[in-house]
Amino acid sequence: MGKEKLIVALDVDTVDEALALVDKLAPHVGMFKVGMELYNAAGPDAVKKIIERGGKVFLDLKMHDIPTTVAKTARVLTRLGVSIINIHASGGLAMMQATASAVQDEAAVKGVQPPQVIAVTVLTSMDQNALNTQLNMAGTVEEQVVRWSKLAQQAGLHGVVCSPREIKAIREACGKNFTIITPGIRPAGVDKNDQERIMTPAEAVQLGVSYLVVGRPITQADNQVEAAKAIVEEIEG
């Protein structure tokens, strides 16, 4: 079903606001993204309450630290019962390997389903100029994203977060079973906000995306349910 591909970003800073969106949108979407704003405001309690209401959670904390620290943190997050967690690919192979291993070990100990571990590649707010001049990375955005995607796959991760513009290249480099999650999704006619490398839902699905992350075009719509339904219809169409 199309709705299983749709992740709604709960970019709010209170549990009440988040749960109001969950109660309204849960029948129409596949998952909810809890990012740093909500998690730092409300902590694990927000995640637990969303799951108690039947919502699946993509916990978007973009961890990036030494391997031991990230692996231990991933163990704690695995206990929450989330469906997806993410870490920065730029943390390197050892960090990603340690995290993948820790998640599997902790899930086995606790008897729970392990979350998918996903690597963040180049942020969708970055453009070519910023990558080359600010981060001092040579080559194109696509080349860097594919490089990190292959490293994540080597480390045993399930997939990556990238902009829609890199879907095709990653699918070719990493195969059909590699999970690709894309923010930067904007239905036609909607403001791109602070995203640079964007695409419509239909375009992303045609290229082979696994999940679409959509925030403001749904959460700030006059009719949030209808906005979600319209995106699902576009995915299915």
C-alpha atoms as a PDB file:
ATOM      1  CA  MET A   1       0.000   0.000   0.000  1.00  0.00           C
ATOM      2  CA  GLY A   2       1.127   3.525  -0.704  1.00  0.00           C
ATOM      3  CA  LYS A   3       0.658   4.676   2.857  1.00  0.00           C
ATOM      4  CA  GLU A   4       3.368   2.285   4.089  1.00  0.00           C
ATOM      5  CA  LYS A   5       5.920   4.354   2.187  1.00  0.00           C
ATOM      6  CA  LEU A   6       4.857   7.629   3.840  1.00  0.00           C
ATOM      7  CA  ILE A   7       6.643   8.820   6.991  1.00  0.00           C
ATOM      8  CA  VAL A   8       5.299  11.996   8.593  1.00  0.00           C
ATOM      9  CA  ALA A   9       7.846  14.183  10.368  1.00  0.00           C
ATOM     10  CA  LEU A  10       6.609  15.247  13.805  1.00  0.00           C
ATOM     11  CA  ASP A  11       8.649  18.440  13.905  1.00  0.00           C
ATOM     12  CA  VAL A  12       7.014  19.807  17.065  1.00  0.00           C
ATOM     13  CA  ASP A  13       8.362  20.272  20.565  1.00  0.00           C
ATOM     14  CA  THR A  14       5.602  18.925  22.832  1.00  0.00           C
ATOM     15  CA  VAL A  15       4.119  15.465  23.324  1.00  0.00           C
ATOM     16  CA  ASP A  16       0.592  16.862  23.119  1.00  0.00           C
ATOM     17  CA  GLU A  17       1.210  18.358  19.678  1.00  0.00           C
ATOM     18  CA  ALA A  18       2.842  15.142  18.488  1.00  0.00           C
ATOM     19  CA  LEU A  19       0.067  12.888  19.757  1.00  0.00           C
ATOM     20  CA  ALA A  20      -2.610  15.111  18.249  1.00  0.00           C
ATOM     21  CA  LEU A  21      -0.958  14.571  14.859  1.00  0.00           C
ATOM     22  CA  VAL A  22      -0.557  10.840  15.474  1.00  0.00           C
ATOM     23  CA  ASP A  23      -4.202  10.406  16.444  1.00  0.00           C
ATOM     24  CA  LYS A  24      -5.304  12.264  13.335  1.00  0.00           C
ATOM     25  CA  LEU A  25      -2.894  10.781  10.809  1.00  0.00           C
ATOM     26  CA  ALA A  26      -2.149   7.226  11.994  1.00  0.00           C
ATOM     27  CA  PRO A  27      -4.831   5.605   9.795  1.00  0.00           C
ATOM     28  CA  HIS A  28      -3.421   7.306   6.711  1.00  0.00           C
ATOM     29  CA  VAL A  29       0.381   6.989   6.978  1.00  0.00           C
ATOM     30  CA  GLY A  30       2.922   4.261   7.601  1.00  0.00           C
ATOM     31  CA  MET A  31       5.250   5.778  10.189  1.00  0.00           C
ATOM     32  CA  PHE A  32       6.125   8.887  12.185  1.00  0.00           C
ATOM     33  CA  LYS A  33       9.544  10.516  12.384  1.00  0.00           C
ATOM     34  CA  VAL A  34      10.631  11.756  15.798  1.00  0.00           C
ATOM     35  CA  GLY A  35      13.561  14.097  15.394  1.00  0.00           C
ATOM     36  CA  MET A  36      15.894  15.968  17.706  1.00  0.00           C
ATOM     37  CA  GLU A  37      13.405  18.753  18.447  1.00  0.00           C
ATOM     38  CA  LEU A  38      10.725  16.505  19.938  1.00  0.00           C
ATOM     39  CA  TYR A  39      13.128  13.977  21.454  1.00  0.00           C
ATOM     40  CA  ASN A  40      15.168  16.638  23.241  1.00  0.00           C
ATOM     41  CA  ALA A  41      11.993  18.277  24.538  1.00  0.00           C
ATOM     42  CA  ALA A  42      10.120  15.182  25.648  1.00  0.00           C
ATOM     43  CA  GLY A  43      12.589  12.307  25.606  1.00  0.00           C
ATOM     44  CA  PRO A  44      11.778   8.592  25.309  1.00  0.00           C
ATOM     45  CA  ASP A  45       8.297   9.221  26.716  1.00  0.00           C
ATOM     46  CA  ALA A  46       7.215  10.743  23.410  1.00  0.00           C
ATOM     47  CA  VAL A  47       8.390   7.678  21.504  1.00  0.00           C
ATOM     48  CA  LYS A  48       6.695   5.277  23.918  1.00  0.00           C
ATOM     49  CA  LYS A  49       3.370   7.092  23.708  1.00  0.00           C
ATOM     50  CA  ILE A  50       3.396   7.089  19.921  1.00  0.00           C
ATOM     51  CA  ILE A  51       4.097   3.352  19.871  1.00  0.00           C
ATOM     52  CA  GLU A  52       1.389   2.736  22.487  1.00  0.00           C
ATOM     53  CA  ARG A  53      -1.059   4.360  20.085  1.00  0.00           C
ATOM     54  CA  GLY A  54      -0.029   1.921  17.368  1.00  0.00           C
ATOM     55  CA  GLY A  55       2.302   4.240  15.480  1.00  0.00           C
ATOM     56  CA  LYS A  56       5.620   3.067  14.116  1.00  0.00           C
ATOM     57  CA  VAL A  57       8.578   5.361  14.814  1.00  0.00           C
ATOM     58  CA  PHE A  58      11.608   6.398  12.803  1.00  0.00           C
ATOM     59  CA  LEU A  59      13.864   7.903  15.484  1.00  0.00           C
ATOM     60  CA  ASP A  60      15.856  10.506  13.609  1.00  0.00           C
ATOM     61  CA  LEU A  61      18.697  11.470  15.966  1.00  0.00           C
ATOM     62  CA  LYS A  62      21.522  11.330  13.400  1.00  0.00           C
ATOM     63  CA  MET A  63      24.056   9.939  15.862  1.00  0.00           C
ATOM     64  CA  HIS A  64      27.706  10.753  15.220  1.00  0.00           C
ATOM     65  CA  ASP A  65      30.407   9.994  17.799  1.00  0.00           C
ATOM     66  CA  ILE A  66      33.096   7.436  18.525  1.00  0.00           C
ATOM     67  CA  PRO A  67      32.012   3.838  17.808  1.00  0.00           C
ATOM     68  CA  THR A  68      31.552   2.796  21.435  1.00  0.00           C
ATOM     69  CA  THR A  69      29.358   5.765  22.308  1.00  0.00           C
ATOM     70  CA  VAL A  70      27.089   5.380  19.286  1.00  0.00           C
ATOM     71  CA  ALA A  71      26.825   1.604  19.722  1.00  0.00           C
ATOM     72  CA  LYS A  72      25.844   1.922  23.387  1.00  0.00           C
ATOM     73  CA  THR A  73      23.288   4.585  22.547  1.00  0.00           C
ATOM     74  CA  ALA A  74      21.856   2.389  19.806  1.00  0.00           C
ATOM     75  CA  ARG A  75      21.363  -0.386  22.361  1.00  0.00           C
ATOM     76  CA  VAL A  76      19.275   1.957  24.502  1.00  0.00           C
ATOM     77  CA  LEU A  77      17.202   3.086  21.528  1.00  0.00           C
ATOM     78  CA  THR A  78      16.597  -0.513  20.439  1.00  0.00           C
ATOM     79  CA  ARG A  79      14.820  -1.133  23.758  1.00  0.00           C
ATOM     80  CA  LEU A  80      12.252   1.530  22.883  1.00  0.00           C
ATOM     81  CA  GLY A  81      10.802  -0.603  20.098  1.00  0.00           C
ATOM     82  CA  VAL A  82      11.384   1.880  17.285  1.00  0.00           C
ATOM     83  CA  SER A  83      11.355   0.714  13.660  1.00  0.00           C
ATOM     84  CA  ILE A  84      14.265   2.767  12.298  1.00  0.00           C
ATOM     85  CA  ILE A  85      17.233   4.630  13.803  1.00  0.00           C
ATOM     86  CA  ASN A  86      19.922   6.573  11.966  1.00  0.00           C
ATOM     87  CA  ILE A  87      23.567   7.504  12.269  1.00  0.00           C
ATOM     88  CA  HIS A  88      25.900   9.642  10.162  1.00  0.00           C
ATOM     89  CA  ALA A  89      27.812   7.773   7.459  1.00  0.00           C
ATOM     90  CA  SER A  90      30.595  10.304   7.931  1.00  0.00           C
ATOM     91  CA  GLY A  91      31.284   8.645  11.308  1.00  0.00           C
ATOM     92  CA  GLY A  92      33.112   5.967   9.352  1.00  0.00           C
ATOM     93  CA  LEU A  93      33.080   2.218   8.853  1.00  0.00           C
ATOM     94  CA  ALA A  94      33.974   1.221  12.428  1.00  0.00           C
ATOM     95  CA  MET A  95      31.201   3.358  13.914  1.00  0.00           C
ATOM     96  CA  MET A  96      28.609   1.932  11.543  1.00  0.00           C
ATOM     97  CA  GLN A  97      29.749  -1.668  12.073  1.00  0.00           C
ATOM     98  CA  ALA A  98      29.692  -1.295  15.861  1.00  0.00           C
ATOM     99  CA  THR A  99      26.191   0.154  15.747  1.00  0.00           C
ATOM    100  CA  ALA A 100      24.800  -2.542  13.456  1.00  0.00           C
ATOM    101  CA  SER A 101      26.247  -5.249  15.683  1.00  0.00           C
ATOM    102  CA  ALA A 102      25.018  -3.647  18.918  1.00  0.00           C
ATOM    103  CA  VAL A 103      21.453  -3.337  17.630  1.00  0.00           C
ATOM    104  CA  GLN A 104      21.295  -6.984  16.611  1.00  0.00           C
ATOM    105  CA  ASP A 105      22.783  -8.130  19.936  1.00  0.00           C
ATOM    106  CA  GLU A 106      20.443  -5.990  22.043  1.00  0.00           C
ATOM    107  CA  ALA A 107      17.355  -7.039  20.099  1.00  0.00           C
ATOM    108  CA  ALA A 108      18.252 -10.703  20.597  1.00  0.00           C
ATOM    109  CA  VAL A 109      18.784 -10.208  24.330  1.00  0.00           C
ATOM    110  CA  LYS A 110      15.498  -8.334  24.774  1.00  0.00           C
ATOM    111  CA  GLY A 111      13.524 -10.532  22.401  1.00  0.00           C
ATOM    112  CA  VAL A 112      12.396  -7.602  20.256  1.00  0.00           C
ATOM    113  CA  GLN A 113      12.460  -6.836  16.550  1.00  0.00           C
ATOM    114  CA  PRO A 114      15.678  -4.950  15.757  1.00  0.00           C
ATOM    115  CA  PRO A 115      15.206  -1.556  14.135  1.00  0.00           C
ATOM    116  CA  GLN A 116      16.637  -0.865  10.727  1.00  0.00           C
ATOM    117  CA  VAL A 117      19.875   1.105  11.052  1.00  0.00           C
ATOM    118  CA  ILE A 118      20.149   3.756   8.366  1.00  0.00           C
ATOM    119  CA  ALA A 119      23.074   6.009   7.464  1.00  0.00           C
ATOM    120  CA  VAL A 120      22.629   9.726   6.804  1.00  0.00           C
ATOM    121  CA  THR A 121      24.610  10.753   3.724  1.00  0.00           C
ATOM    122  CA  VAL A 122      24.688  14.373   2.490  1.00  0.00           C
ATOM    123  CA  LEU A 123      22.014  16.488   4.159  1.00  0.00           C
ATOM    124  CA  THR A 124      19.249  17.604   1.819  1.00  0.00           C
ATOM    125  CA  SER A 125      19.867  21.230   2.833  1.00  0.00           C
ATOM    126  CA  MET A 126      23.335  21.036   1.246  1.00  0.00           C
ATOM    127  CA  ASP A 127      23.960  21.889  -2.392  1.00  0.00           C
ATOM    128  CA  GLN A 128      26.958  21.293  -4.644  1.00  0.00           C
ATOM    129  CA  ASN A 129      28.681  24.554  -3.754  1.00  0.00           C
ATOM    130  CA  ALA A 130      28.354  23.956  -0.016  1.00  0.00           C
ATOM    131  CA  LEU A 131      29.734  20.427  -0.320  1.00  0.00           C
ATOM    132  CA  ASN A 132      32.815  21.597  -2.217  1.00  0.00           C
ATOM    133  CA  THR A 133      33.569  24.955  -0.610  1.00  0.00           C
ATOM    134  CA  GLN A 134      32.283  24.603   2.961  1.00  0.00           C
ATOM    135  CA  LEU A 135      32.956  20.906   3.636  1.00  0.00           C
ATOM    136  CA  ASN A 136      35.935  20.839   1.275  1.00  0.00           C
ATOM    137  CA  MET A 137      34.778  17.571  -0.334  1.00  0.00           C
ATOM    138  CA  ALA A 138      35.753  17.022  -3.946  1.00  0.00           C
ATOM    139  CA  GLY A 139      33.392  15.621  -6.547  1.00  0.00           C
ATOM    140  CA  THR A 140      29.651  15.852  -6.962  1.00  0.00           C
ATOM    141  CA  VAL A 141      26.981  15.415  -4.318  1.00  0.00           C
ATOM    142  CA  GLU A 142      25.850  12.225  -6.044  1.00  0.00           C
ATOM    143  CA  GLU A 143      29.365  10.754  -5.994  1.00  0.00           C
ATOM    144  CA  GLN A 144      29.723  11.433  -2.275  1.00  0.00           C
ATOM    145  CA  VAL A 145      26.293  10.024  -1.480  1.00  0.00           C
ATOM    146  CA  VAL A 146      27.008   6.833  -3.413  1.00  0.00           C
ATOM    147  CA  ARG A 147      30.414   6.501  -1.752  1.00  0.00           C
ATOM    148  CA  TRP A 148      28.849   6.694   1.713  1.00  0.00           C
ATOM    149  CA  SER A 149      25.979   4.403   0.696  1.00  0.00           C
ATOM    150  CA  LYS A 150      28.378   1.669  -0.372  1.00  0.00           C
ATOM    151  CA  LEU A 151      30.315   2.099   2.876  1.00  0.00           C
ATOM    152  CA  ALA A 152      27.079   1.789   4.879  1.00  0.00           C
ATOM    153  CA  GLN A 153      26.179  -1.382   3.011  1.00  0.00           C
ATOM    154  CA  GLN A 154      29.660  -2.777   3.682  1.00  0.00           C
ATOM    155  CA  ALA A 155      29.150  -2.025   7.392  1.00  0.00           C
ATOM    156  CA  GLY A 156      25.974  -4.088   7.481  1.00  0.00           C
ATOM    157  CA  LEU A 157      23.478  -1.226   7.637  1.00  0.00           C
ATOM    158  CA  HIS A 158      20.054  -1.576   6.055  1.00  0.00           C
ATOM    159  CA  GLY A 159      20.143   1.592   3.955  1.00  0.00           C
ATOM    160  CA  VAL A 160      20.592   5.336   3.815  1.00  0.00           C
ATOM    161  CA  VAL A 161      18.912   8.703   4.010  1.00  0.00           C
ATOM    162  CA  CYS A 162      19.547  10.813   0.934  1.00  0.00           C
ATOM    163  CA  SER A 163      17.885  13.388  -1.250  1.00  0.00           C
ATOM    164  CA  PRO A 164      15.566  12.162  -4.004  1.00  0.00           C
ATOM    165  CA  ARG A 165      18.157  13.213  -6.579  1.00  0.00           C
ATOM    166  CA  GLU A 166      20.443  10.315  -5.610  1.00  0.00           C
ATOM    167  CA  ILE A 167      17.860   7.503  -5.525  1.00  0.00           C
ATOM    168  CA  LYS A 168      18.650   6.107  -8.966  1.00  0.00           C
ATOM    169  CA  ALA A 169      22.415   6.086  -8.437  1.00  0.00           C
ATOM    170  CA  ILE A 170      22.123   4.392  -5.032  1.00  0.00           C
ATOM    171  CA  ARG A 171      19.675   1.807  -6.338  1.00  0.00           C
ATOM    172  CA  GLU A 172      22.146   0.951  -9.106  1.00  0.00           C
ATOM    173  CA  ALA A 173      25.119   0.827  -6.709  1.00  0.00           C
ATOM    174  CA  CYS A 174      23.525  -0.991  -3.755  1.00  0.00           C
ATOM    175  CA  GLY A 175      20.742  -3.134  -5.215  1.00  0.00           C
ATOM    176  CA  LYS A 176      16.992  -3.491  -4.940  1.00  0.00           C
ATOM    177  CA  ASN A 177      16.865  -4.550  -1.260  1.00  0.00           C
ATOM    178  CA  PHE A 178      18.789  -1.563   0.105  1.00  0.00           C
ATOM    179  CA  THR A 179      16.494   0.813   2.013  1.00  0.00           C
ATOM    180  CA  ILE A 180      16.382   4.379   0.687  1.00  0.00           C
ATOM    181  CA  ILE A 181      14.662   7.056   2.769  1.00  0.00           C
ATOM    182  CA  THR A 182      14.215  10.487   1.269  1.00  0.00           C
ATOM    183  CA  PRO A 183      13.249  13.782   2.850  1.00  0.00           C
ATOM    184  CA  GLY A 184      13.059  16.753   0.510  1.00  0.00           C
ATOM    185  CA  ILE A 185       9.712  15.558  -0.820  1.00  0.00           C
ATOM    186  CA  ARG A 186       7.450  18.363  -1.976  1.00  0.00           C
ATOM    187  CA  PRO A 187       4.195  17.912  -3.892  1.00  0.00           C
ATOM    188  CA  ALA A 188       3.935  20.154  -6.937  1.00  0.00           C
ATOM    189  CA  GLY A 189       3.199  23.781  -6.019  1.00  0.00           C
ATOM    190  CA  VAL A 190       4.372  23.511  -2.399  1.00  0.00           C
ATOM    191  CA  ASP A 191       7.129  25.768  -1.002  1.00  0.00           C
ATOM    192  CA  LYS A 192      10.498  23.989  -0.818  1.00  0.00           C
ATOM    193  CA  ASN A 193      11.310  25.695   2.542  1.00  0.00           C
ATOM    194  CA  ASP A 194      14.965  25.018   3.486  1.00  0.00           C
ATOM    195  CA  GLN A 195      15.358  21.944   1.295  1.00  0.00           C
ATOM    196  CA  GLU A 196      17.575  22.227  -1.776  1.00  0.00           C
ATOM    197  CA  ARG A 197      17.529  18.869  -3.574  1.00  0.00           C
ATOM    198  CA  ILE A 198      13.807  18.153  -3.827  1.00  0.00           C
ATOM    199  CA  MET A 199      11.370  16.020  -5.856  1.00  0.00           C
ATOM    200  CA  THR A 200       7.662  15.192  -5.993  1.00  0.00           C
ATOM    201  CA  PRO A 201       6.358  11.953  -4.394  1.00  0.00           C
ATOM    202  CA  ALA A 202       5.526  10.400  -7.757  1.00  0.00           C
ATOM    203  CA  GLU A 203       8.993  11.090  -9.165  1.00  0.00           C
ATOM    204  CA  ALA A 204      10.696   9.563  -6.102  1.00  0.00           C
ATOM    205  CA  VAL A 205       8.564   6.428  -6.202  1.00  0.00           C
ATOM    206  CA  GLN A 206       9.259   5.925  -9.887  1.00  0.00           C
ATOM    207  CA  LEU A 207      12.984   5.978  -9.134  1.00  0.00           C
ATOM    208  CA  GLY A 208      12.665   3.264  -6.467  1.00  0.00           C
ATOM    209  CA  VAL A 209      12.480   5.013  -3.094  1.00  0.00           C
ATOM    210  CA  SER A 210      11.590   2.876  -0.045  1.00  0.00           C
ATOM    211  CA  TYR A 211      10.161   5.601   2.210  1.00  0.00           C
ATOM    212  CA  LEU A 212       9.255   9.264   1.758  1.00  0.00           C
ATOM    213  CA  VAL A 213       9.589  11.679   4.680  1.00  0.00           C
ATOM    214  CA  VAL A 214       7.105  14.545   4.532  1.00  0.00           C
ATOM    215  CA  GLY A 215       6.694  17.190   7.223  1.00  0.00           C
ATOM    216  CA  ARG A 216       5.382  20.683   6.643  1.00  0.00           C
ATOM    217  CA  PRO A 217       3.354  19.946   3.484  1.00  0.00           C
ATOM    218  CA  ILE A 218       1.208  17.724   5.736  1.00  0.00           C
ATOM    219  CA  THR A 219       1.581  19.061   9.267  1.00  0.00           C
ATOM    220  CA  GLN A 220       1.084  22.712   8.288  1.00  0.00           C
ATOM    221  CA  ALA A 221      -1.711  22.044   5.795  1.00  0.00           C
ATOM    222  CA  ASP A 222      -5.173  23.440   6.457  1.00  0.00           C
ATOM    223  CA  ASN A 223      -6.505  19.890   6.252  1.00  0.00           C
ATOM    224  CA  GLN A 224      -3.733  17.537   7.365  1.00  0.00           C
ATOM    225  CA  VAL A 225      -5.631  14.327   6.651  1.00  0.00           C
ATOM    226  CA  GLU A 226      -6.499  15.362   3.120  1.00  0.00           C
ATOM    227  CA  ALA A 227      -2.895  16.437   2.517  1.00  0.00           C
ATOM    228  CA  ALA A 228      -1.656  13.000   3.622  1.00  0.00           C
ATOM    229  CA  LYS A 229      -4.270  11.226   1.519  1.00  0.00           C
ATOM    230  CA  ALA A 230      -3.276  13.239  -1.539  1.00  0.00           C
ATOM    231  CA  ILE A 231       0.355  12.195  -1.178  1.00  0.00           C
ATOM    232  CA  VAL A 232      -0.611   8.538  -0.733  1.00  0.00           C
ATOM    233  CA  GLU A 233      -2.738   8.753  -3.858  1.00  0.00           C
ATOM    234  CA  GLU A 234       0.199  10.206  -5.739  1.00  0.00           C
ATOM    235  CA  ILE A 235       2.445   7.392  -4.477  1.00  0.00           C
ATOM    236  CA  GLU A 236      -0.062   4.750  -5.567  1.00  0.00           C
ATOM    237  CA  GLY A 237      -0.707   6.449  -8.881  1.00  0.00           C
END
